[in-house]
PDB file of all heavy atoms in Angstrom:
ATOM      1  N   GLY A   1     -22.838  14.161  25.717  1.00  0.00           N
ATOM      2  CA  GLY A   1     -22.726  15.535  25.232  1.00  0.00           C
ATOM      3  C   GLY A   1     -23.823  15.934  24.266  1.00  0.00           C
ATOM      4  O   GLY A   1     -24.405  17.023  24.367  1.00  0.00           O
ATOM      5  N   GLN A   2     -24.139  15.064  23.306  1.00  0.00           N
ATOM      6  CA  GLN A   2     -25.175  15.396  22.329  1.00  0.00           C
ATOM      7  C   GLN A   2     -26.537  15.557  23.000  1.00  0.00           C
ATOM      8  O   GLN A   2     -27.299  16.469  22.678  1.00  0.00           O
ATOM      9  CB  GLN A   2     -25.229  14.326  21.252  1.00  0.00           C
ATOM     10  CG  GLN A   2     -23.960  14.235  20.403  1.00  0.00           C
ATOM     11  CD  GLN A   2     -24.052  13.170  19.342  1.00  0.00           C
ATOM     12  OE1 GLN A   2     -25.028  12.427  19.280  1.00  0.00           O
ATOM     13  NE2 GLN A   2     -23.034  13.066  18.509  1.00  0.00           N
ATOM     14  N   ALA A   3     -26.851  14.647  23.934  1.00  0.00           N
ATOM     15  CA  ALA A   3     -28.137  14.735  24.625  1.00  0.00           C
ATOM     16  C   ALA A   3     -28.225  16.015  25.447  1.00  0.00           C
ATOM     17  O   ALA A   3     -29.266  16.684  25.480  1.00  0.00           O
ATOM     18  CB  ALA A   3     -28.337  13.515  25.524  1.00  0.00           C
ATOM     19  N   VAL A   4     -27.127  16.392  26.112  1.00  0.00           N
ATOM     20  CA  VAL A   4     -27.118  17.624  26.910  1.00  0.00           C
ATOM     21  C   VAL A   4     -27.333  18.836  26.019  1.00  0.00           C
ATOM     22  O   VAL A   4     -28.097  19.756  26.362  1.00  0.00           O
ATOM     23  CB  VAL A   4     -25.795  17.737  27.693  1.00  0.00           C
ATOM     24  CG1 VAL A   4     -25.651  19.117  28.320  1.00  0.00           C
ATOM     25  CG2 VAL A   4     -25.725  16.674  28.768  1.00  0.00           C
ATOM     26  N   SER A   5     -26.696  18.870  24.863  1.00  0.00           N
ATOM     27  CA  SER A   5     -26.841  20.011  23.957  1.00  0.00           C
ATOM     28  C   SER A   5     -28.276  20.138  23.462  1.00  0.00           C
ATOM     29  O   SER A   5     -28.860  21.231  23.465  1.00  0.00           O
ATOM     30  CB  SER A   5     -25.885  19.862  22.777  1.00  0.00           C
ATOM     31  OG  SER A   5     -24.545  19.823  23.224  1.00  0.00           O
ATOM     32  N   ILE A   6     -28.864  19.030  23.024  1.00  0.00           N
ATOM     33  CA  ILE A   6     -30.221  19.081  22.463  1.00  0.00           C
ATOM     34  C   ILE A   6     -31.241  19.422  23.538  1.00  0.00           C
ATOM     35  O   ILE A   6     -32.067  20.331  23.381  1.00  0.00           O
ATOM     36  CB  ILE A   6     -30.559  17.735  21.790  1.00  0.00           C
ATOM     37  CG1 ILE A   6     -29.635  17.495  20.593  1.00  0.00           C
ATOM     38  CG2 ILE A   6     -32.011  17.722  21.341  1.00  0.00           C
ATOM     39  CD1 ILE A   6     -29.779  16.132  19.977  1.00  0.00           C
ATOM     40  N   VAL A   7     -31.193  18.706  24.662  1.00  0.00           N
ATOM     41  CA  VAL A   7     -32.152  18.956  25.733  1.00  0.00           C
ATOM     42  C   VAL A   7     -31.965  20.355  26.313  1.00  0.00           C
ATOM     43  O   VAL A   7     -32.934  21.071  26.592  1.00  0.00           O
ATOM     44  CB  VAL A   7     -32.018  17.877  26.827  1.00  0.00           C
ATOM     45  CG1 VAL A   7     -32.925  18.199  28.015  1.00  0.00           C
ATOM     46  CG2 VAL A   7     -32.372  16.507  26.261  1.00  0.00           C
ATOM     47  N   GLY A   8     -30.707  20.769  26.500  1.00  0.00           N
ATOM     48  CA  GLY A   8     -30.454  22.098  27.035  1.00  0.00           C
ATOM     49  C   GLY A   8     -30.979  23.194  26.124  1.00  0.00           C
ATOM     50  O   GLY A   8     -31.556  24.189  26.594  1.00  0.00           O
ATOM     51  N   ALA A   9     -30.786  23.035  24.803  1.00  0.00           N
ATOM     52  CA  ALA A   9     -31.288  24.040  23.870  1.00  0.00           C
ATOM     53  C   ALA A   9     -32.809  24.114  23.905  1.00  0.00           C
ATOM     54  O   ALA A   9     -33.393  25.210  23.895  1.00  0.00           O
ATOM     55  CB  ALA A   9     -30.798  23.715  22.463  1.00  0.00           C
ATOM     56  N   LEU A  10     -33.466  22.958  23.929  1.00  0.00           N
ATOM     57  CA  LEU A  10     -34.933  22.959  23.976  1.00  0.00           C
ATOM     58  C   LEU A  10     -35.464  23.589  25.264  1.00  0.00           C
ATOM     59  O   LEU A  10     -36.370  24.434  25.237  1.00  0.00           O
ATOM     60  CB  LEU A  10     -35.449  21.519  23.837  1.00  0.00           C
ATOM     61  CG  LEU A  10     -35.245  20.848  22.478  1.00  0.00           C
ATOM     62  CD1 LEU A  10     -35.673  19.390  22.544  1.00  0.00           C
ATOM     63  CD2 LEU A  10     -36.026  21.572  21.397  1.00  0.00           C
ATOM     64  N   VAL A  11     -34.886  23.194  26.382  1.00  0.00           N
ATOM     65  CA  VAL A  11     -35.376  23.681  27.673  1.00  0.00           C
ATOM     66  C   VAL A  11     -35.110  25.173  27.827  1.00  0.00           C
ATOM     67  O   VAL A  11     -36.006  25.957  28.195  1.00  0.00           O
ATOM     68  CB  VAL A  11     -34.736  22.882  28.825  1.00  0.00           C
ATOM     69  CG1 VAL A  11     -35.086  23.511  30.172  1.00  0.00           C
ATOM     70  CG2 VAL A  11     -35.200  21.436  28.781  1.00  0.00           C
ATOM     71  N   LEU A  12     -33.882  25.595  27.545  1.00  0.00           N
ATOM     72  CA  LEU A  12     -33.547  27.001  27.718  1.00  0.00           C
ATOM     73  C   LEU A  12     -34.294  27.892  26.725  1.00  0.00           C
ATOM     74  O   LEU A  12     -34.728  28.985  27.077  1.00  0.00           O
ATOM     75  CB  LEU A  12     -32.038  27.194  27.565  1.00  0.00           C
ATOM     76  CG  LEU A  12     -31.178  26.646  28.706  1.00  0.00           C
ATOM     77  CD1 LEU A  12     -29.701  26.845  28.405  1.00  0.00           C
ATOM     78  CD2 LEU A  12     -31.530  27.337  30.013  1.00  0.00           C
ATOM     79  N   GLY A  13     -34.428  27.427  25.477  1.00  0.00           N
ATOM     80  CA  GLY A  13     -35.169  28.218  24.502  1.00  0.00           C
ATOM     81  C   GLY A  13     -36.625  28.388  24.883  1.00  0.00           C
ATOM     82  O   GLY A  13     -37.175  29.505  24.847  1.00  0.00           O
ATOM     83  N   GLU A  14     -37.281  27.297  25.272  1.00  0.00           N
ATOM     84  CA  GLU A  14     -38.681  27.371  25.680  1.00  0.00           C
ATOM     85  C   GLU A  14     -38.840  28.206  26.946  1.00  0.00           C
ATOM     86  O   GLU A  14     -39.783  29.004  27.072  1.00  0.00           O
ATOM     87  CB  GLU A  14     -39.212  25.961  25.901  1.00  0.00           C
ATOM     88  CG  GLU A  14     -40.690  25.890  26.277  1.00  0.00           C
ATOM     89  CD  GLU A  14     -41.593  26.342  25.152  1.00  0.00           C
ATOM     90  OE1 GLU A  14     -41.151  26.327  23.992  1.00  0.00           O
ATOM     91  OE2 GLU A  14     -42.739  26.736  25.438  1.00  0.00           O
ATOM     92  N   SER A  15     -37.921  28.046  27.890  1.00  0.00           N
ATOM     93  CA  SER A  15     -38.004  28.810  29.136  1.00  0.00           C
ATOM     94  C   SER A  15     -37.813  30.304  28.887  1.00  0.00           C
ATOM     95  O   SER A  15     -38.500  31.142  29.488  1.00  0.00           O
ATOM     96  CB  SER A  15     -36.955  28.312  30.136  1.00  0.00           C
ATOM     97  OG  SER A  15     -37.144  26.941  30.429  1.00  0.00           O
ATOM     98  N   ALA A  16     -36.880  30.658  27.988  1.00  0.00           N
ATOM     99  CA  ALA A  16     -36.649  32.070  27.687  1.00  0.00           C
ATOM    100  C   ALA A  16     -37.862  32.707  27.031  1.00  0.00           C
ATOM    101  O   ALA A  16     -38.212  33.861  27.314  1.00  0.00           O
ATOM    102  CB  ALA A  16     -35.421  32.209  26.786  1.00  0.00           C
ATOM    103  N   VAL A  17     -38.539  31.967  26.162  1.00  0.00           N
ATOM    104  CA  VAL A  17     -39.746  32.498  25.522  1.00  0.00           C
ATOM    105  C   VAL A  17     -40.874  32.639  26.537  1.00  0.00           C
ATOM    106  O   VAL A  17     -41.579  33.665  26.577  1.00  0.00           O
ATOM    107  CB  VAL A  17     -40.169  31.591  24.342  1.00  0.00           C
ATOM    108  CG1 VAL A  17     -41.513  32.038  23.781  1.00  0.00           C
ATOM    109  CG2 VAL A  17     -39.107  31.613  23.252  1.00  0.00           C
ATOM    110  N   GLN A  18     -41.067  31.629  27.368  1.00  0.00           N
ATOM    111  CA  GLN A  18     -42.131  31.682  28.367  1.00  0.00           C
ATOM    112  C   GLN A  18     -41.890  32.795  29.386  1.00  0.00           C
ATOM    113  O   GLN A  18     -42.840  33.425  29.867  1.00  0.00           O
ATOM    114  CB  GLN A  18     -42.246  30.330  29.093  1.00  0.00           C
ATOM    115  CG  GLN A  18     -42.731  29.188  28.211  1.00  0.00           C
ATOM    116  CD  GLN A  18     -44.154  29.393  27.726  1.00  0.00           C
ATOM    117  OE1 GLN A  18     -44.973  30.021  28.397  1.00  0.00           O
ATOM    118  NE2 GLN A  18     -44.445  28.860  26.550  1.00  0.00           N
ATOM    119  N   ALA A  19     -40.646  33.063  29.704  1.00  0.00           N
ATOM    120  CA  ALA A  19     -40.331  34.117  30.665  1.00  0.00           C
ATOM    121  C   ALA A  19     -40.393  35.507  30.048  1.00  0.00           C
ATOM    122  O   ALA A  19     -40.300  36.494  30.775  1.00  0.00           O
ATOM    123  CB  ALA A  19     -38.944  33.876  31.260  1.00  0.00           C
ATOM    124  N   GLY A  20     -40.534  35.584  28.739  1.00  0.00           N
ATOM    125  CA  GLY A  20     -40.617  36.883  28.082  1.00  0.00           C
ATOM    126  C   GLY A  20     -39.282  37.564  27.896  1.00  0.00           C
ATOM    127  O   GLY A  20     -39.236  38.770  27.632  1.00  0.00           O
ATOM    128  N   ILE A  21     -38.190  36.821  27.999  1.00  0.00           N
ATOM    129  CA  ILE A  21     -36.869  37.415  27.804  1.00  0.00           C
ATOM    130  C   ILE A  21     -36.588  37.625  26.323  1.00  0.00           C
ATOM    131  O   ILE A  21     -36.048  38.660  25.918  1.00  0.00           O
ATOM    132  CB  ILE A  21     -35.788  36.528  28.449  1.00  0.00           C
ATOM    133  CG1 ILE A  21     -36.044  36.402  29.956  1.00  0.00           C
ATOM    134  CG2 ILE A  21     -34.397  37.101  28.197  1.00  0.00           C
ATOM    135  CD1 ILE A  21     -35.086  35.473  30.653  1.00  0.00           C
ATOM    136  N   VAL A  22     -36.936  36.653  25.496  1.00  0.00           N
ATOM    137  CA  VAL A  22     -36.756  36.751  24.049  1.00  0.00           C
ATOM    138  C   VAL A  22     -38.059  36.335  23.373  1.00  0.00           C
ATOM    139  O   VAL A  22     -38.929  35.704  23.986  1.00  0.00           O
ATOM    140  CB  VAL A  22     -35.592  35.862  23.552  1.00  0.00           C
ATOM    141  CG1 VAL A  22     -34.278  36.306  24.160  1.00  0.00           C
ATOM    142  CG2 VAL A  22     -35.861  34.411  23.872  1.00  0.00           C
ATOM    143  N   GLY A  23     -38.178  36.674  22.105  1.00  0.00           N
ATOM    144  CA  GLY A  23     -39.341  36.281  21.329  1.00  0.00           C
ATOM    145  C   GLY A  23     -39.137  34.944  20.659  1.00  0.00           C
ATOM    146  O   GLY A  23     -37.993  34.473  20.492  1.00  0.00           O
ATOM    147  N   PRO A  24     -40.214  34.291  20.235  1.00  0.00           N
ATOM    148  CA  PRO A  24     -40.071  32.983  19.574  1.00  0.00           C
ATOM    149  C   PRO A  24     -39.351  33.064  18.239  1.00  0.00           C
ATOM    150  O   PRO A  24     -38.734  32.085  17.815  1.00  0.00           O
ATOM    151  CB  PRO A  24     -41.530  32.518  19.410  1.00  0.00           C
ATOM    152  CG  PRO A  24     -42.337  33.763  19.463  1.00  0.00           C
ATOM    153  CD  PRO A  24     -41.618  34.707  20.374  1.00  0.00           C
ATOM    154  N   ASN A  25     -39.414  34.216  17.568  1.00  0.00           N
ATOM    155  CA  ASN A  25     -38.733  34.341  16.284  1.00  0.00           C
ATOM    156  C   ASN A  25     -37.220  34.223  16.445  1.00  0.00           C
ATOM    157  O   ASN A  25     -36.536  33.652  15.592  1.00  0.00           O
ATOM    158  CB  ASN A  25     -39.074  35.684  15.633  1.00  0.00           C
ATOM    159  CG  ASN A  25     -40.561  35.858  15.404  1.00  0.00           C
ATOM    160  OD1 ASN A  25     -41.242  34.919  15.017  1.00  0.00           O
ATOM    161  ND2 ASN A  25     -41.075  37.051  15.648  1.00  0.00           N
ATOM    162  N   ILE A  26     -36.694  34.767  17.538  1.00  0.00           N
ATOM    163  CA  ILE A  26     -35.251  34.692  17.779  1.00  0.00           C
ATOM    164  C   ILE A  26     -34.816  33.248  17.959  1.00  0.00           C
ATOM    165  O   ILE A  26     -33.743  32.834  17.487  1.00  0.00           O
ATOM    166  CB  ILE A  26     -34.885  35.530  19.013  1.00  0.00           C
ATOM    167  CG1 ILE A  26     -35.157  37.010  18.759  1.00  0.00           C
ATOM    168  CG2 ILE A  26     -33.427  35.327  19.382  1.00  0.00           C
ATOM    169  CD1 ILE A  26     -34.292  37.615  17.703  1.00  0.00           C
ATOM    170  N   VAL A  27     -35.634  32.450  18.627  1.00  0.00           N
ATOM    171  CA  VAL A  27     -35.297  31.048  18.840  1.00  0.00           C
ATOM    172  C   VAL A  27     -35.201  30.319  17.499  1.00  0.00           C
ATOM    173  O   VAL A  27     -34.285  29.504  17.275  1.00  0.00           O
ATOM    174  CB  VAL A  27     -36.330  30.376  19.760  1.00  0.00           C
ATOM    175  CG1 VAL A  27     -36.018  28.889  19.934  1.00  0.00           C
ATOM    176  CG2 VAL A  27     -36.364  31.064  21.122  1.00  0.00           C
ATOM    177  N   ILE A  28     -36.122  30.616  16.594  1.00  0.00           N
ATOM    178  CA  ILE A  28     -36.097  29.974  15.268  1.00  0.00           C
ATOM    179  C   ILE A  28     -34.843  30.391  14.500  1.00  0.00           C
ATOM    180  O   ILE A  28     -34.159  29.552  13.889  1.00  0.00           O
ATOM    181  CB  ILE A  28     -37.370  30.342  14.488  1.00  0.00           C
ATOM    182  CG1 ILE A  28     -38.601  29.793  15.201  1.00  0.00           C
ATOM    183  CG2 ILE A  28     -37.294  29.807  13.063  1.00  0.00           C
ATOM    184  CD1 ILE A  28     -39.912  30.220  14.571  1.00  0.00           C
ATOM    185  N   VAL A  29     -34.517  31.686  14.530  1.00  0.00           N
ATOM    186  CA  VAL A  29     -33.348  32.182  13.804  1.00  0.00           C
ATOM    187  C   VAL A  29     -32.067  31.567  14.351  1.00  0.00           C
ATOM    188  O   VAL A  29     -31.209  31.089  13.594  1.00  0.00           O
ATOM    189  CB  VAL A  29     -33.295  33.725  13.875  1.00  0.00           C
ATOM    190  CG1 VAL A  29     -31.972  34.240  13.320  1.00  0.00           C
ATOM    191  CG2 VAL A  29     -34.456  34.332  13.106  1.00  0.00           C
ATOM    192  N   VAL A  30     -31.920  31.549  15.676  1.00  0.00           N
ATOM    193  CA  VAL A  30     -30.711  31.004  16.290  1.00  0.00           C
ATOM    194  C   VAL A  30     -30.629  29.491  16.059  1.00  0.00           C
ATOM    195  O   VAL A  30     -29.539  28.945  15.822  1.00  0.00           O
ATOM    196  CB  VAL A  30     -30.673  31.340  17.788  1.00  0.00           C
ATOM    197  CG1 VAL A  30     -29.511  30.636  18.470  1.00  0.00           C
ATOM    198  CG2 VAL A  30     -30.557  32.838  17.982  1.00  0.00           C
ATOM    199  N   ALA A  31     -31.756  28.795  16.110  1.00  0.00           N
ATOM    200  CA  ALA A  31     -31.744  27.348  15.868  1.00  0.00           C
ATOM    201  C   ALA A  31     -31.307  27.032  14.439  1.00  0.00           C
ATOM    202  O   ALA A  31     -30.479  26.138  14.213  1.00  0.00           O
ATOM    203  CB  ALA A  31     -33.129  26.768  16.142  1.00  0.00           C
ATOM    204  N   LEU A  32     -31.862  27.771  13.461  1.00  0.00           N
ATOM    205  CA  LEU A  32     -31.455  27.557  12.072  1.00  0.00           C
ATOM    206  C   LEU A  32     -29.989  27.917  11.872  1.00  0.00           C
ATOM    207  O   LEU A  32     -29.263  27.236  11.131  1.00  0.00           O
ATOM    208  CB  LEU A  32     -32.340  28.388  11.142  1.00  0.00           C
ATOM    209  CG  LEU A  32     -32.097  28.244   9.639  1.00  0.00           C
ATOM    210  CD1 LEU A  32     -32.231  26.797   9.207  1.00  0.00           C
ATOM    211  CD2 LEU A  32     -33.053  29.123   8.845  1.00  0.00           C
ATOM    212  N   THR A  33     -29.528  28.961  12.543  1.00  0.00           N
ATOM    213  CA  THR A  33     -28.116  29.348  12.466  1.00  0.00           C
ATOM    214  C   THR A  33     -27.222  28.247  13.030  1.00  0.00           C
ATOM    215  O   THR A  33     -26.188  27.902  12.443  1.00  0.00           O
ATOM    216  CB  THR A  33     -27.888  30.651  13.243  1.00  0.00           C
ATOM    217  OG1 THR A  33     -28.709  31.677  12.692  1.00  0.00           O
ATOM    218  CG2 THR A  33     -26.436  31.069  13.178  1.00  0.00           C
ATOM    219  N   ALA A  34     -27.612  27.685  14.170  1.00  0.00           N
ATOM    220  CA  ALA A  34     -26.803  26.637  14.800  1.00  0.00           C
ATOM    221  C   ALA A  34     -26.771  25.368  13.957  1.00  0.00           C
ATOM    222  O   ALA A  34     -25.711  24.761  13.764  1.00  0.00           O
ATOM    223  CB  ALA A  34     -27.353  26.340  16.189  1.00  0.00           C
ATOM    224  N   ILE A  35     -27.924  24.958  13.451  1.00  0.00           N
ATOM    225  CA  ILE A  35     -27.977  23.733  12.654  1.00  0.00           C
ATOM    226  C   ILE A  35     -27.179  23.897  11.367  1.00  0.00           C
ATOM    227  O   ILE A  35     -26.472  22.973  10.929  1.00  0.00           O
ATOM    228  CB  ILE A  35     -29.440  23.364  12.359  1.00  0.00           C
ATOM    229  CG1 ILE A  35     -30.158  22.996  13.661  1.00  0.00           C
ATOM    230  CG2 ILE A  35     -29.520  22.207  11.374  1.00  0.00           C
ATOM    231  CD1 ILE A  35     -31.645  22.794  13.504  1.00  0.00           C
ATOM    232  N   SER A  36     -27.253  25.069  10.740  1.00  0.00           N
ATOM    233  CA  SER A  36     -26.497  25.299   9.505  1.00  0.00           C
ATOM    234  C   SER A  36     -24.996  25.237   9.765  1.00  0.00           C
ATOM    235  O   SER A  36     -24.228  24.843   8.882  1.00  0.00           O
ATOM    236  CB  SER A  36     -26.873  26.661   8.912  1.00  0.00           C
ATOM    237  OG  SER A  36     -28.253  26.720   8.607  1.00  0.00           O
ATOM    238  N   GLY A  37     -24.567  25.626  10.965  1.00  0.00           N
ATOM    239  CA  GLY A  37     -23.140  25.576  11.269  1.00  0.00           C
ATOM    240  C   GLY A  37     -22.581  24.176  11.311  1.00  0.00           C
ATOM    241  O   GLY A  37     -21.369  23.986  11.127  1.00  0.00           O
ATOM    242  N   PHE A  38     -23.426  23.169  11.536  1.00  0.00           N
ATOM    243  CA  PHE A  38     -22.949  21.792  11.582  1.00  0.00           C
ATOM    244  C   PHE A  38     -22.581  21.268  10.196  1.00  0.00           C
ATOM    245  O   PHE A  38     -21.953  20.207  10.097  1.00  0.00           O
ATOM    246  CB  PHE A  38     -24.013  20.893  12.199  1.00  0.00           C
ATOM    247  CG  PHE A  38     -24.260  21.174  13.659  1.00  0.00           C
ATOM    248  CD1 PHE A  38     -25.541  21.210  14.162  1.00  0.00           C
ATOM    249  CD2 PHE A  38     -23.209  21.402  14.519  1.00  0.00           C
ATOM    250  CE1 PHE A  38     -25.780  21.479  15.504  1.00  0.00           C
ATOM    251  CE2 PHE A  38     -23.420  21.670  15.863  1.00  0.00           C
ATOM    252  CZ  PHE A  38     -24.711  21.710  16.360  1.00  0.00           C
ATOM    253  N   LEU A  39     -22.954  21.963   9.131  1.00  0.00           N
ATOM    254  CA  LEU A  39     -22.574  21.531   7.783  1.00  0.00           C
ATOM    255  C   LEU A  39     -21.098  21.790   7.506  1.00  0.00           C
ATOM    256  O   LEU A  39     -20.514  21.144   6.639  1.00  0.00           O
ATOM    257  CB  LEU A  39     -23.434  22.250   6.734  1.00  0.00           C
ATOM    258  CG  LEU A  39     -24.927  21.921   6.748  1.00  0.00           C
ATOM    259  CD1 LEU A  39     -25.667  22.750   5.715  1.00  0.00           C
ATOM    260  CD2 LEU A  39     -25.158  20.444   6.487  1.00  0.00           C
ATOM    261  N   THR A  40     -20.505  22.738   8.204  1.00  0.00           N
ATOM    262  CA  THR A  40     -19.084  23.049   8.035  1.00  0.00           C
ATOM    263  C   THR A  40     -18.421  23.097   9.411  1.00  0.00           C
ATOM    264  O   THR A  40     -18.037  24.165   9.895  1.00  0.00           O
ATOM    265  CB  THR A  40     -18.905  24.396   7.314  1.00  0.00           C
ATOM    266  OG1 THR A  40     -19.680  25.393   8.007  1.00  0.00           O
ATOM    267  CG2 THR A  40     -19.362  24.309   5.879  1.00  0.00           C
ATOM    268  N   PRO A  41     -18.287  21.952  10.086  1.00  0.00           N
ATOM    269  CA  PRO A  41     -17.777  21.956  11.473  1.00  0.00           C
ATOM    270  C   PRO A  41     -16.331  22.409  11.588  1.00  0.00           C
ATOM    271  O   PRO A  41     -15.921  22.889  12.642  1.00  0.00           O
ATOM    272  CB  PRO A  41     -17.944  20.493  11.909  1.00  0.00           C
ATOM    273  CG  PRO A  41     -17.938  19.714  10.639  1.00  0.00           C
ATOM    274  CD  PRO A  41     -18.590  20.597   9.611  1.00  0.00           C
ATOM    275  N   SER A  42     -15.548  22.276  10.532  1.00  0.00           N
ATOM    276  CA  SER A  42     -14.139  22.668  10.611  1.00  0.00           C
ATOM    277  C   SER A  42     -13.947  24.177  10.607  1.00  0.00           C
ATOM    278  O   SER A  42     -12.828  24.655  10.845  1.00  0.00           O
ATOM    279  CB  SER A  42     -13.360  22.058   9.440  1.00  0.00           C
ATOM    280  OG  SER A  42     -13.888  22.511   8.209  1.00  0.00           O
ATOM    281  N   LEU A  43     -15.011  24.937  10.336  1.00  0.00           N
ATOM    282  CA  LEU A  43     -14.908  26.396  10.260  1.00  0.00           C
ATOM    283  C   LEU A  43     -15.608  27.084  11.425  1.00  0.00           C
ATOM    284  O   LEU A  43     -16.015  28.240  11.303  1.00  0.00           O
ATOM    285  CB  LEU A  43     -15.523  26.895   8.936  1.00  0.00           C
ATOM    286  CG  LEU A  43     -14.870  26.393   7.649  1.00  0.00           C
ATOM    287  CD1 LEU A  43     -15.641  26.881   6.437  1.00  0.00           C
ATOM    288  CD2 LEU A  43     -13.420  26.846   7.572  1.00  0.00           C
TER     289      LEU A  43
END
């Protein structure tokens, strides 16, 4: 599960930027948001 989450996030994020669907700034914001959520997993 952990490997699928990490690899999937990297592949999909890079693919979305390369395809022009989203900008690279959004990927950084969402990544920081996701990582910060792991500090309080019960919430």
